[in-house]
Amino acid sequence: MQVNSTARDRSPSVYSRSGNASPSRPSTPSSFECFLTLQGGRSSAVEALPSTIQQAKQKPLTESEEYQRAIFDASFLKAENEWLRRSRKSAAALHEGTVVPSAELLNLSANDIQEALTCFHIGFAAAEQLIHRFRNPAAAEVATTLQELIPAFEQCRRGLDSLRTAAANLGEGGRVFSTQIQKSNRSYADFFGINYDQSIAPAAGPRTRRTR
């Protein structure tokens, strides 16, 4: 009880605020964590479920078993936190190295296609004016060909709309992910009693050793 009280006093954002889980213990188990549990492993997210907590309360342990469990818990949490750090690092790398550049590339590609369609429509309009000006069989054949190309351009326009939608969804997903990362950073900072400000946070880099 003393340990819990101390932790609660030092980290109100983690222990006392409703709806906020510890930054090292996600509130929703992932598919990997569920698989890990089914194979005999452990997951803090699974153990935090109400059903699991209730089941654990019904199993009294001896002092020796509690001591052994505490040792195992320390090793287990260390391994889990390492996995979470690596997962978070990989997710951040995916966001910065793939999601953001892909969203920008999709937007640029959509703009290029839009400009190309505009040029084609201008050319078609000019060609139609020439066809109406010259009444002959050859002009009629050209007019027929232009009419046959209209469905292709309409399909291209629908593809452009889908491309813009995908770019918007990707960009929105990237913004949501970035927001969640910032919340995670603040959660860790609150846990250690640090006043974290994203706008003035120093960039990661080699630390200089202080000398007296």
N, C-alpha and C. Protein backbone atom coordinates (compact mmCIF):
# COMPACT_ATOMS: atom_id res chain seq x y z
N MET A 1 0.82 -1.20 0.00
CA MET A 1 0.00 0.00 0.00
C MET A 1 0.85 1.25 0.00
N GLN A 2 2.01 1.18 0.72
CA GLN A 2 2.87 2.34 0.78
C GLN A 2 3.46 2.66 -0.59
N VAL A 3 3.81 1.58 -1.33
CA VAL A 3 4.38 1.78 -2.66
C VAL A 3 3.35 2.41 -3.58
N ASN A 4 2.12 1.93 -3.53
CA ASN A 4 1.06 2.48 -4.38
C ASN A 4 0.78 3.93 -4.02
N SER A 5 0.80 4.24 -2.73
CA SER A 5 0.54 5.61 -2.30
C SER A 5 1.62 6.54 -2.79
N THR A 6 2.89 6.07 -2.69
CA THR A 6 4.00 6.90 -3.16
C THR A 6 3.90 7.14 -4.66
N ALA A 7 3.62 6.07 -5.39
CA ALA A 7 3.51 6.20 -6.84
C ALA A 7 2.36 7.12 -7.21
N ARG A 8 1.27 7.04 -6.44
CA ARG A 8 0.12 7.88 -6.74
C ARG A 8 0.44 9.34 -6.48
N ASP A 9 1.21 9.60 -5.42
CA ASP A 9 1.57 10.98 -5.10
C ASP A 9 2.52 11.56 -6.15
N ARG A 10 3.41 10.73 -6.65
CA ARG A 10 4.40 11.21 -7.60
C ARG A 10 3.84 11.31 -9.02
N SER A 11 2.84 10.55 -9.31
CA SER A 11 2.32 10.52 -10.67
C SER A 11 0.81 10.60 -10.69
N PRO A 12 0.24 11.76 -10.38
CA PRO A 12 -1.22 11.88 -10.38
C PRO A 12 -1.82 11.68 -11.75
N SER A 13 -1.07 12.03 -12.81
CA SER A 13 -1.63 11.91 -14.15
C SER A 13 -1.83 10.46 -14.54
N VAL A 14 -1.06 9.57 -13.95
CA VAL A 14 -1.13 8.16 -14.32
C VAL A 14 -2.08 7.38 -13.44
N TYR A 15 -2.07 7.67 -12.12
CA TYR A 15 -2.80 6.83 -11.19
C TYR A 15 -4.15 7.39 -10.75
N SER A 16 -4.32 8.70 -10.74
CA SER A 16 -5.54 9.24 -10.16
C SER A 16 -6.53 9.75 -11.19
N ARG A 17 -6.07 10.10 -12.38
CA ARG A 17 -6.99 10.61 -13.39
C ARG A 17 -7.73 9.45 -14.04
N SER A 18 -9.03 9.57 -14.08
CA SER A 18 -9.83 8.50 -14.68
C SER A 18 -9.64 8.49 -16.19
N GLY A 19 -9.55 7.28 -16.72
CA GLY A 19 -9.44 7.13 -18.17
C GLY A 19 -8.03 7.19 -18.70
N ASN A 20 -7.03 7.46 -17.85
CA ASN A 20 -5.65 7.54 -18.29
C ASN A 20 -4.89 6.32 -17.77
N ALA A 21 -4.38 5.51 -18.67
CA ALA A 21 -3.58 4.36 -18.27
C ALA A 21 -2.13 4.76 -18.17
N SER A 22 -1.35 3.94 -17.45
CA SER A 22 0.07 4.20 -17.36
C SER A 22 0.67 4.21 -18.76
N PRO A 23 1.62 5.09 -19.05
CA PRO A 23 2.19 5.16 -20.40
C PRO A 23 2.86 3.86 -20.82
N SER A 24 3.31 3.05 -19.86
CA SER A 24 3.96 1.79 -20.20
C SER A 24 2.98 0.63 -20.23
N ARG A 25 1.70 0.90 -19.97
CA ARG A 25 0.70 -0.15 -19.97
C ARG A 25 -0.51 0.29 -20.80
N PRO A 26 -0.54 -0.03 -22.08
CA PRO A 26 -1.67 0.38 -22.93
C PRO A 26 -2.99 -0.16 -22.39
N SER A 27 -4.05 0.62 -22.57
CA SER A 27 -5.36 0.22 -22.05
C SER A 27 -6.04 -0.82 -22.92
N THR A 28 -5.68 -0.90 -24.19
CA THR A 28 -6.31 -1.86 -25.11
C THR A 28 -5.27 -2.85 -25.62
N PRO A 29 -5.44 -4.15 -25.36
CA PRO A 29 -4.46 -5.13 -25.83
C PRO A 29 -4.44 -5.19 -27.35
N SER A 30 -3.25 -5.28 -27.91
CA SER A 30 -3.11 -5.45 -29.35
C SER A 30 -3.27 -6.92 -29.70
N SER A 31 -3.37 -7.21 -31.00
CA SER A 31 -3.50 -8.60 -31.44
C SER A 31 -2.27 -9.41 -31.05
N PHE A 32 -1.10 -8.75 -31.08
CA PHE A 32 0.12 -9.44 -30.69
C PHE A 32 0.10 -9.81 -29.21
N GLU A 33 -0.40 -8.89 -28.38
CA GLU A 33 -0.47 -9.15 -26.94
C GLU A 33 -1.45 -10.28 -26.63
N CYS A 34 -2.56 -10.31 -27.35
CA CYS A 34 -3.52 -11.41 -27.17
C CYS A 34 -2.90 -12.74 -27.57
N PHE A 35 -2.19 -12.75 -28.69
CA PHE A 35 -1.50 -13.97 -29.12
C PHE A 35 -0.45 -14.38 -28.10
N LEU A 36 0.29 -13.40 -27.59
CA LEU A 36 1.32 -13.68 -26.59
C LEU A 36 0.72 -14.32 -25.35
N THR A 37 -0.43 -13.81 -24.92
CA THR A 37 -1.09 -14.36 -23.74
C THR A 37 -1.59 -15.78 -23.98
N LEU A 38 -2.13 -16.04 -25.16
CA LEU A 38 -2.62 -17.38 -25.49
C LEU A 38 -1.49 -18.40 -25.54
N GLN A 39 -0.28 -17.94 -25.85
CA GLN A 39 0.87 -18.83 -25.93
C GLN A 39 1.57 -19.00 -24.58
N GLY A 40 0.99 -18.41 -23.53
CA GLY A 40 1.58 -18.57 -22.20
C GLY A 40 2.37 -17.37 -21.73
N GLY A 41 2.44 -16.32 -22.55
CA GLY A 41 3.15 -15.11 -22.14
C GLY A 41 2.26 -14.20 -21.32
N ARG A 42 2.74 -12.98 -21.10
CA ARG A 42 1.99 -12.03 -20.29
C ARG A 42 1.95 -10.67 -20.97
N SER A 43 0.94 -9.91 -20.63
CA SER A 43 0.77 -8.56 -21.17
C SER A 43 0.10 -7.70 -20.12
N SER A 44 0.68 -6.52 -19.86
CA SER A 44 0.08 -5.62 -18.88
C SER A 44 -1.31 -5.18 -19.30
N ALA A 45 -1.50 -4.99 -20.61
CA ALA A 45 -2.80 -4.55 -21.09
C ALA A 45 -3.86 -5.62 -20.83
N VAL A 46 -3.51 -6.89 -21.03
CA VAL A 46 -4.45 -7.98 -20.78
C VAL A 46 -4.70 -8.12 -19.29
N GLU A 47 -3.64 -7.98 -18.49
CA GLU A 47 -3.79 -8.13 -17.04
C GLU A 47 -4.56 -6.98 -16.42
N ALA A 48 -4.65 -5.86 -17.14
CA ALA A 48 -5.40 -4.72 -16.62
C ALA A 48 -6.90 -4.82 -16.92
N LEU A 49 -7.30 -5.83 -17.68
CA LEU A 49 -8.73 -6.01 -17.96
C LEU A 49 -9.47 -6.38 -16.67
N PRO A 50 -10.69 -5.88 -16.48
CA PRO A 50 -11.44 -6.16 -15.24
C PRO A 50 -11.57 -7.65 -14.94
N SER A 51 -11.81 -8.46 -15.97
CA SER A 51 -11.98 -9.90 -15.74
C SER A 51 -10.70 -10.53 -15.23
N THR A 52 -9.56 -10.10 -15.76
CA THR A 52 -8.28 -10.65 -15.32
C THR A 52 -7.97 -10.23 -13.90
N ILE A 53 -8.25 -8.96 -13.58
CA ILE A 53 -8.01 -8.47 -12.23
C ILE A 53 -8.87 -9.22 -11.22
N GLN A 54 -10.14 -9.43 -11.55
CA GLN A 54 -11.04 -10.14 -10.66
C GLN A 54 -10.59 -11.57 -10.44
N GLN A 55 -10.09 -12.20 -11.50
CA GLN A 55 -9.62 -13.57 -11.38
C GLN A 55 -8.37 -13.64 -10.51
N ALA A 56 -7.49 -12.65 -10.63
CA ALA A 56 -6.26 -12.64 -9.84
C ALA A 56 -6.56 -12.47 -8.35
N LYS A 57 -7.63 -11.73 -8.02
CA LYS A 57 -7.98 -11.52 -6.62
C LYS A 57 -8.45 -12.82 -5.95
N GLN A 58 -8.91 -13.76 -6.74
CA GLN A 58 -9.43 -15.01 -6.19
C GLN A 58 -8.35 -16.05 -5.98
N LYS A 59 -7.09 -15.70 -6.24
CA LYS A 59 -5.99 -16.65 -6.09
C LYS A 59 -5.01 -16.14 -5.03
N PRO A 60 -5.22 -16.49 -3.76
CA PRO A 60 -4.29 -16.07 -2.71
C PRO A 60 -2.93 -16.73 -2.88
N LEU A 61 -1.86 -15.96 -2.65
CA LEU A 61 -0.50 -16.47 -2.80
C LEU A 61 0.22 -16.47 -1.47
N THR A 62 1.16 -17.39 -1.33
CA THR A 62 2.00 -17.39 -0.14
C THR A 62 3.04 -16.29 -0.26
N GLU A 63 3.74 -16.03 0.83
CA GLU A 63 4.76 -14.98 0.82
C GLU A 63 5.87 -15.32 -0.17
N SER A 64 6.24 -16.59 -0.24
CA SER A 64 7.28 -17.01 -1.17
C SER A 64 6.81 -16.85 -2.61
N GLU A 65 5.56 -17.20 -2.88
CA GLU A 65 5.03 -17.05 -4.24
C GLU A 65 4.92 -15.59 -4.63
N GLU A 66 4.54 -14.73 -3.69
CA GLU A 66 4.47 -13.30 -3.98
C GLU A 66 5.85 -12.74 -4.29
N TYR A 67 6.86 -13.20 -3.56
CA TYR A 67 8.23 -12.74 -3.80
C TYR A 67 8.70 -13.18 -5.18
N GLN A 68 8.44 -14.44 -5.53
CA GLN A 68 8.83 -14.93 -6.85
C GLN A 68 8.09 -14.19 -7.96
N ARG A 69 6.82 -13.91 -7.72
CA ARG A 69 6.05 -13.18 -8.73
C ARG A 69 6.58 -11.76 -8.88
N ALA A 70 6.98 -11.13 -7.78
CA ALA A 70 7.52 -9.77 -7.86
C ALA A 70 8.79 -9.74 -8.69
N ILE A 71 9.66 -10.75 -8.50
CA ILE A 71 10.89 -10.82 -9.29
C ILE A 71 10.55 -11.02 -10.77
N PHE A 72 9.60 -11.92 -11.03
CA PHE A 72 9.22 -12.16 -12.42
C PHE A 72 8.57 -10.92 -13.03
N ASP A 73 7.74 -10.23 -12.25
CA ASP A 73 7.07 -9.03 -12.75
C ASP A 73 8.09 -7.98 -13.17
N ALA A 74 9.15 -7.83 -12.37
CA ALA A 74 10.16 -6.82 -12.69
C ALA A 74 10.83 -7.14 -14.03
N SER A 75 11.18 -8.42 -14.23
CA SER A 75 11.80 -8.82 -15.50
C SER A 75 10.82 -8.71 -16.65
N PHE A 76 9.58 -9.12 -16.39
CA PHE A 76 8.54 -9.08 -17.43
C PHE A 76 8.25 -7.65 -17.87
N LEU A 77 8.13 -6.73 -16.90
CA LEU A 77 7.84 -5.34 -17.23
C LEU A 77 9.01 -4.69 -17.96
N LYS A 78 10.23 -5.08 -17.59
CA LYS A 78 11.40 -4.55 -18.29
C LYS A 78 11.38 -4.98 -19.75
N ALA A 79 11.08 -6.26 -19.99
CA ALA A 79 11.01 -6.75 -21.37
C ALA A 79 9.86 -6.10 -22.13
N GLU A 80 8.72 -5.94 -21.46
CA GLU A 80 7.56 -5.34 -22.12
C GLU A 80 7.82 -3.88 -22.47
N ASN A 81 8.44 -3.15 -21.56
CA ASN A 81 8.74 -1.75 -21.83
C ASN A 81 9.73 -1.61 -22.98
N GLU A 82 10.68 -2.54 -23.07
CA GLU A 82 11.62 -2.52 -24.18
C GLU A 82 10.88 -2.76 -25.50
N TRP A 83 9.93 -3.69 -25.49
CA TRP A 83 9.13 -3.95 -26.69
C TRP A 83 8.31 -2.72 -27.06
N LEU A 84 7.73 -2.06 -26.06
CA LEU A 84 6.93 -0.87 -26.33
C LEU A 84 7.78 0.26 -26.88
N ARG A 85 8.99 0.41 -26.34
CA ARG A 85 9.88 1.46 -26.85
C ARG A 85 10.25 1.20 -28.30
N ARG A 86 10.56 -0.07 -28.60
CA ARG A 86 10.91 -0.40 -29.99
C ARG A 86 9.71 -0.22 -30.92
N SER A 87 8.53 -0.62 -30.46
CA SER A 87 7.33 -0.46 -31.27
C SER A 87 7.05 1.02 -31.53
N ARG A 88 7.19 1.83 -30.50
CA ARG A 88 6.95 3.26 -30.64
C ARG A 88 7.98 3.89 -31.58
N LYS A 89 9.24 3.46 -31.45
CA LYS A 89 10.28 3.98 -32.33
C LYS A 89 10.02 3.58 -33.78
N SER A 90 9.60 2.33 -33.99
CA SER A 90 9.29 1.87 -35.35
C SER A 90 8.10 2.62 -35.93
N ALA A 91 7.08 2.86 -35.09
CA ALA A 91 5.90 3.59 -35.56
C ALA A 91 6.26 5.02 -35.93
N ALA A 92 7.11 5.65 -35.11
CA ALA A 92 7.53 7.02 -35.41
C ALA A 92 8.33 7.07 -36.70
N ALA A 93 9.21 6.07 -36.90
CA ALA A 93 10.00 6.02 -38.13
C ALA A 93 9.10 5.79 -39.34
N LEU A 94 8.08 4.94 -39.18
CA LEU A 94 7.13 4.70 -40.28
C LEU A 94 6.37 5.98 -40.61
N HIS A 95 5.97 6.72 -39.58
CA HIS A 95 5.22 7.96 -39.81
C HIS A 95 6.08 8.99 -40.51
N GLU A 96 7.30 9.21 -40.01
CA GLU A 96 8.15 10.26 -40.56
C GLU A 96 8.76 9.86 -41.90
N GLY A 97 9.07 8.57 -42.06
CA GLY A 97 9.76 8.14 -43.27
C GLY A 97 8.85 7.66 -44.39
N THR A 98 7.59 7.33 -44.07
CA THR A 98 6.70 6.78 -45.09
C THR A 98 5.39 7.54 -45.20
N VAL A 99 4.69 7.71 -44.08
CA VAL A 99 3.35 8.32 -44.12
C VAL A 99 3.42 9.76 -44.61
N VAL A 100 4.27 10.57 -43.98
CA VAL A 100 4.35 11.98 -44.35
C VAL A 100 4.82 12.17 -45.79
N PRO A 101 5.93 11.53 -46.22
CA PRO A 101 6.35 11.69 -47.63
C PRO A 101 5.31 11.15 -48.61
N SER A 102 4.65 10.04 -48.27
CA SER A 102 3.64 9.48 -49.17
C SER A 102 2.45 10.41 -49.33
N ALA A 103 2.02 11.03 -48.24
CA ALA A 103 0.91 11.98 -48.31
C ALA A 103 1.28 13.17 -49.19
N GLU A 104 2.50 13.67 -49.03
CA GLU A 104 2.95 14.79 -49.86
C GLU A 104 3.04 14.38 -51.33
N LEU A 105 3.55 13.16 -51.59
CA LEU A 105 3.67 12.69 -52.97
C LEU A 105 2.30 12.50 -53.61
N LEU A 106 1.35 11.98 -52.84
CA LEU A 106 -0.01 11.81 -53.37
C LEU A 106 -0.62 13.15 -53.74
N ASN A 107 -0.42 14.15 -52.90
CA ASN A 107 -0.96 15.48 -53.21
C ASN A 107 -0.32 16.06 -54.46
N LEU A 108 1.00 15.91 -54.58
CA LEU A 108 1.69 16.42 -55.77
C LEU A 108 1.22 15.68 -57.03
N SER A 109 1.07 14.36 -56.92
CA SER A 109 0.61 13.58 -58.08
C SER A 109 -0.81 13.97 -58.47
N ALA A 110 -1.67 14.19 -57.48
CA ALA A 110 -3.04 14.61 -57.78
C ALA A 110 -3.05 15.96 -58.49
N ASN A 111 -2.19 16.87 -58.05
CA ASN A 111 -2.11 18.18 -58.72
C ASN A 111 -1.62 18.04 -60.16
N ASP A 112 -0.63 17.15 -60.38
CA ASP A 112 -0.13 16.94 -61.74
C ASP A 112 -1.22 16.37 -62.65
N ILE A 113 -1.97 15.40 -62.13
CA ILE A 113 -3.05 14.81 -62.93
C ILE A 113 -4.13 15.84 -63.22
N GLN A 114 -4.44 16.68 -62.24
CA GLN A 114 -5.44 17.73 -62.44
C GLN A 114 -5.01 18.70 -63.53
N GLU A 115 -3.74 19.08 -63.52
CA GLU A 115 -3.23 19.99 -64.56
C GLU A 115 -3.28 19.32 -65.93
N ALA A 116 -2.94 18.03 -65.98
CA ALA A 116 -2.98 17.31 -67.26
C ALA A 116 -4.40 17.23 -67.80
N LEU A 117 -5.36 16.94 -66.93
CA LEU A 117 -6.76 16.89 -67.35
C LEU A 117 -7.23 18.25 -67.86
N THR A 118 -6.80 19.30 -67.19
CA THR A 118 -7.18 20.65 -67.64
C THR A 118 -6.65 20.92 -69.04
N CYS A 119 -5.39 20.54 -69.29
CA CYS A 119 -4.80 20.73 -70.62
C CYS A 119 -5.54 19.92 -71.68
N PHE A 120 -5.91 18.68 -71.33
CA PHE A 120 -6.65 17.85 -72.28
C PHE A 120 -8.00 18.46 -72.61
N HIS A 121 -8.69 18.97 -71.60
CA HIS A 121 -10.01 19.56 -71.85
C HIS A 121 -9.89 20.81 -72.72
N ILE A 122 -8.85 21.59 -72.51
CA ILE A 122 -8.64 22.77 -73.35
C ILE A 122 -8.37 22.34 -74.80
N GLY A 123 -7.54 21.29 -74.96
CA GLY A 123 -7.26 20.79 -76.31
C GLY A 123 -8.50 20.22 -76.97
N PHE A 124 -9.33 19.51 -76.20
CA PHE A 124 -10.56 18.97 -76.74
C PHE A 124 -11.50 20.08 -77.20
N ALA A 125 -11.59 21.12 -76.41
CA ALA A 125 -12.48 22.23 -76.77
C ALA A 125 -12.02 22.88 -78.07
N ALA A 126 -10.69 23.06 -78.20
CA ALA A 126 -10.17 23.65 -79.44
C ALA A 126 -10.42 22.73 -80.63
N ALA A 127 -10.25 21.41 -80.43
CA ALA A 127 -10.47 20.46 -81.52
C ALA A 127 -11.94 20.45 -81.94
N GLU A 128 -12.85 20.53 -80.99
CA GLU A 128 -14.27 20.54 -81.32
C GLU A 128 -14.64 21.78 -82.13
N GLN A 129 -14.03 22.91 -81.80
CA GLN A 129 -14.31 24.12 -82.58
C GLN A 129 -13.85 23.96 -84.03
N LEU A 130 -12.67 23.35 -84.22
CA LEU A 130 -12.17 23.13 -85.58
C LEU A 130 -13.05 22.14 -86.34
N ILE A 131 -13.54 21.11 -85.64
CA ILE A 131 -14.39 20.11 -86.30
C ILE A 131 -15.69 20.75 -86.77
N HIS A 132 -16.29 21.60 -85.93
CA HIS A 132 -17.53 22.26 -86.33
C HIS A 132 -17.30 23.26 -87.47
N ARG A 133 -16.08 23.75 -87.56
CA ARG A 133 -15.79 24.74 -88.61
C ARG A 133 -15.63 24.04 -89.96
N PHE A 134 -15.03 22.83 -89.95
CA PHE A 134 -14.80 22.12 -91.21
C PHE A 134 -15.74 20.92 -91.27
N ARG A 135 -16.74 21.01 -92.14
CA ARG A 135 -17.72 19.94 -92.29
C ARG A 135 -17.26 18.98 -93.38
N ASN A 136 -16.60 17.88 -92.99
CA ASN A 136 -16.19 16.86 -93.96
C ASN A 136 -16.10 15.51 -93.24
N PRO A 137 -16.02 14.41 -94.00
CA PRO A 137 -15.99 13.07 -93.38
C PRO A 137 -14.84 12.89 -92.39
N ALA A 138 -13.68 13.43 -92.71
CA ALA A 138 -12.54 13.27 -91.81
C ALA A 138 -12.80 13.94 -90.47
N ALA A 139 -13.40 15.12 -90.51
CA ALA A 139 -13.71 15.82 -89.27
C ALA A 139 -14.74 15.05 -88.46
N ALA A 140 -15.69 14.41 -89.14
CA ALA A 140 -16.70 13.62 -88.44
C ALA A 140 -16.06 12.43 -87.72
N GLU A 141 -15.06 11.81 -88.36
CA GLU A 141 -14.37 10.68 -87.73
C GLU A 141 -13.59 11.14 -86.50
N VAL A 142 -12.98 12.30 -86.61
CA VAL A 142 -12.24 12.84 -85.45
C VAL A 142 -13.21 13.13 -84.31
N ALA A 143 -14.38 13.67 -84.64
CA ALA A 143 -15.37 13.97 -83.61
C ALA A 143 -15.83 12.69 -82.91
N THR A 144 -16.01 11.63 -83.71
CA THR A 144 -16.40 10.34 -83.11
C THR A 144 -15.32 9.82 -82.17
N THR A 145 -14.07 9.96 -82.58
CA THR A 145 -12.96 9.51 -81.73
C THR A 145 -12.91 10.29 -80.42
N LEU A 146 -13.14 11.59 -80.50
CA LEU A 146 -13.15 12.41 -79.29
C LEU A 146 -14.27 11.98 -78.34
N GLN A 147 -15.43 11.67 -78.91
CA GLN A 147 -16.54 11.23 -78.07
C GLN A 147 -16.22 9.91 -77.37
N GLU A 148 -15.49 9.03 -78.07
CA GLU A 148 -15.12 7.75 -77.46
C GLU A 148 -14.10 7.92 -76.34
N LEU A 149 -13.34 9.00 -76.37
CA LEU A 149 -12.33 9.23 -75.33
C LEU A 149 -12.92 9.85 -74.06
N ILE A 150 -14.13 10.37 -74.17
CA ILE A 150 -14.74 11.03 -73.00
C ILE A 150 -14.87 10.08 -71.80
N PRO A 151 -15.36 8.83 -71.97
CA PRO A 151 -15.44 7.92 -70.82
C PRO A 151 -14.08 7.66 -70.16
N ALA A 152 -13.03 7.61 -70.99
CA ALA A 152 -11.70 7.39 -70.42
C ALA A 152 -11.28 8.55 -69.53
N PHE A 153 -11.58 9.75 -69.95
CA PHE A 153 -11.23 10.92 -69.13
C PHE A 153 -12.10 10.99 -67.88
N GLU A 154 -13.34 10.57 -67.98
CA GLU A 154 -14.20 10.53 -66.80
C GLU A 154 -13.67 9.52 -65.79
N GLN A 155 -13.19 8.38 -66.29
CA GLN A 155 -12.59 7.39 -65.40
C GLN A 155 -11.32 7.94 -64.76
N CYS A 156 -10.56 8.67 -65.52
CA CYS A 156 -9.36 9.31 -64.98
C CYS A 156 -9.73 10.30 -63.89
N ARG A 157 -10.80 11.03 -64.08
CA ARG A 157 -11.24 11.99 -63.07
C ARG A 157 -11.70 11.28 -61.79
N ARG A 158 -12.39 10.15 -61.96
CA ARG A 158 -12.80 9.39 -60.77
C ARG A 158 -11.58 8.86 -60.02
N GLY A 159 -10.59 8.41 -60.79
CA GLY A 159 -9.35 7.96 -60.15
C GLY A 159 -8.65 9.09 -59.41
N LEU A 160 -8.72 10.29 -59.98
CA LEU A 160 -8.13 11.46 -59.32
C LEU A 160 -8.85 11.76 -58.01
N ASP A 161 -10.18 11.66 -58.03
CA ASP A 161 -10.93 11.88 -56.79
C ASP A 161 -10.55 10.85 -55.72
N SER A 162 -10.38 9.60 -56.13
CA SER A 162 -9.97 8.56 -55.18
C SER A 162 -8.58 8.83 -54.65
N LEU A 163 -7.71 9.32 -55.52
CA LEU A 163 -6.34 9.65 -55.11
C LEU A 163 -6.34 10.77 -54.09
N ARG A 164 -7.16 11.78 -54.31
CA ARG A 164 -7.25 12.88 -53.34
C ARG A 164 -7.84 12.39 -52.01
N THR A 165 -8.82 11.50 -52.09
CA THR A 165 -9.40 10.97 -50.85
C THR A 165 -8.37 10.17 -50.06
N ALA A 166 -7.58 9.35 -50.78
CA ALA A 166 -6.54 8.57 -50.11
C ALA A 166 -5.49 9.48 -49.48
N ALA A 167 -5.13 10.54 -50.19
CA ALA A 167 -4.15 11.49 -49.64
C ALA A 167 -4.70 12.18 -48.40
N ALA A 168 -5.99 12.54 -48.44
CA ALA A 168 -6.60 13.19 -47.28
C ALA A 168 -6.67 12.24 -46.09
N ASN A 169 -7.04 10.99 -46.34
CA ASN A 169 -7.11 10.01 -45.26
C ASN A 169 -5.73 9.74 -44.66
N LEU A 170 -4.74 9.63 -45.53
CA LEU A 170 -3.37 9.39 -45.06
C LEU A 170 -2.86 10.57 -44.25
N GLY A 171 -3.15 11.78 -44.73
CA GLY A 171 -2.73 12.96 -43.98
C GLY A 171 -3.43 13.07 -42.64
N GLU A 172 -4.72 12.76 -42.60
CA GLU A 172 -5.46 12.80 -41.34
C GLU A 172 -4.94 11.75 -40.37
N GLY A 173 -4.66 10.55 -40.89
CA GLY A 173 -4.09 9.52 -40.03
C GLY A 173 -2.74 9.92 -39.47
N GLY A 174 -1.93 10.59 -40.29
CA GLY A 174 -0.64 11.06 -39.81
C GLY A 174 -0.78 12.11 -38.73
N ARG A 175 -1.76 12.99 -38.88
CA ARG A 175 -1.97 14.02 -37.85
C ARG A 175 -2.47 13.40 -36.54
N VAL A 176 -3.35 12.42 -36.65
CA VAL A 176 -3.83 11.74 -35.43
C VAL A 176 -2.68 11.02 -34.74
N PHE A 177 -1.84 10.35 -35.53
CA PHE A 177 -0.70 9.66 -34.94
C PHE A 177 0.25 10.64 -34.26
N SER A 178 0.52 11.76 -34.92
CA SER A 178 1.40 12.76 -34.32
C SER A 178 0.83 13.29 -33.02
N THR A 179 -0.49 13.49 -32.98
CA THR A 179 -1.13 13.96 -31.74
C THR A 179 -0.99 12.93 -30.63
N GLN A 180 -1.17 11.65 -30.97
CA GLN A 180 -1.04 10.61 -29.96
C GLN A 180 0.39 10.51 -29.44
N ILE A 181 1.37 10.69 -30.31
CA ILE A 181 2.77 10.67 -29.88
C ILE A 181 3.04 11.81 -28.91
N GLN A 182 2.50 13.00 -29.21
CA GLN A 182 2.69 14.13 -28.31
C GLN A 182 2.03 13.87 -26.96
N LYS A 183 0.85 13.25 -26.97
CA LYS A 183 0.19 12.92 -25.71
C LYS A 183 1.02 11.91 -24.92
N SER A 184 1.60 10.95 -25.63
CA SER A 184 2.45 9.96 -24.97
C SER A 184 3.67 10.62 -24.35
N ASN A 185 4.26 11.57 -25.07
CA ASN A 185 5.41 12.30 -24.53
C ASN A 185 5.04 13.05 -23.27
N ARG A 186 3.89 13.71 -23.30
CA ARG A 186 3.45 14.47 -22.12
C ARG A 186 3.14 13.53 -20.96
N SER A 187 2.59 12.35 -21.28
CA SER A 187 2.28 11.40 -20.22
C SER A 187 3.53 10.93 -19.51
N TYR A 188 4.57 10.63 -20.27
CA TYR A 188 5.83 10.23 -19.67
C TYR A 188 6.43 11.38 -18.86
N ALA A 189 6.35 12.58 -19.42
CA ALA A 189 6.89 13.73 -18.70
C ALA A 189 6.15 13.96 -17.39
N ASP A 190 4.82 13.82 -17.41
CA ASP A 190 4.04 13.98 -16.18
C ASP A 190 4.39 12.90 -15.16
N PHE A 191 4.69 11.71 -15.65
CA PHE A 191 5.02 10.61 -14.73
C PHE A 191 6.26 10.95 -13.91
N PHE A 192 7.22 11.64 -14.53
CA PHE A 192 8.45 12.00 -13.84
C PHE A 192 8.42 13.43 -13.30
N GLY A 193 7.26 14.08 -13.39
CA GLY A 193 7.14 15.43 -12.87
C GLY A 193 7.87 16.47 -13.69
N ILE A 194 7.96 16.25 -15.00
CA ILE A 194 8.67 17.18 -15.89
C ILE A 194 7.65 18.01 -16.65
N ASN A 195 7.90 19.31 -16.76
CA ASN A 195 7.02 20.20 -17.52
C ASN A 195 7.44 20.14 -18.98
N TYR A 196 6.73 19.33 -19.76
CA TYR A 196 7.11 19.10 -21.15
C TYR A 196 6.34 20.03 -22.06
N ASP A 197 7.05 20.72 -22.94
CA ASP A 197 6.44 21.61 -23.94
C ASP A 197 6.97 21.21 -25.30
N GLN A 198 6.08 20.73 -26.18
CA GLN A 198 6.50 20.25 -27.49
C GLN A 198 7.18 21.34 -28.31
N SER A 199 6.75 22.58 -28.15
CA SER A 199 7.28 23.66 -28.98
C SER A 199 8.70 24.04 -28.62
N ILE A 200 9.10 23.80 -27.36
CA ILE A 200 10.45 24.20 -26.94
C ILE A 200 11.31 22.99 -26.58
N ALA A 201 10.78 21.78 -26.83
CA ALA A 201 11.55 20.58 -26.50
C ALA A 201 12.79 20.52 -27.38
N PRO A 202 13.97 20.27 -26.80
CA PRO A 202 15.19 20.21 -27.59
C PRO A 202 15.20 19.00 -28.50
N ALA A 203 15.85 19.13 -29.63
CA ALA A 203 15.95 18.02 -30.57
C ALA A 203 16.87 16.96 -30.00
N ALA A 204 16.57 15.70 -30.35
CA ALA A 204 17.39 14.61 -29.85
C ALA A 204 18.77 14.68 -30.45
N GLY A 205 19.77 14.44 -29.65
CA GLY A 205 21.14 14.49 -30.13
C GLY A 205 22.09 14.09 -29.04
N PRO A 206 23.39 14.08 -29.31
CA PRO A 206 24.36 13.67 -28.30
C PRO A 206 24.37 14.64 -27.14
N ARG A 207 24.39 14.11 -25.94
CA ARG A 207 24.42 14.95 -24.75
C ARG A 207 25.86 15.30 -24.39
N THR A 208 26.05 16.52 -23.98
CA THR A 208 27.37 16.96 -23.56
C THR A 208 27.54 16.70 -22.08
N ARG A 209 28.70 16.25 -21.71
CA ARG A 209 28.97 15.94 -20.32
C ARG A 209 29.38 17.20 -19.58
N ARG A 210 28.74 17.40 -18.44
CA ARG A 210 29.06 18.58 -17.66
C ARG A 210 30.41 18.42 -16.97
N THR A 211 31.14 19.51 -16.95
CA THR A 211 32.42 19.51 -16.25
C THR A 211 32.43 20.63 -15.24
N ARG A 212 33.05 20.36 -14.14
CA ARG A 212 33.11 21.38 -13.10
C ARG A 212 34.24 22.37 -13.37
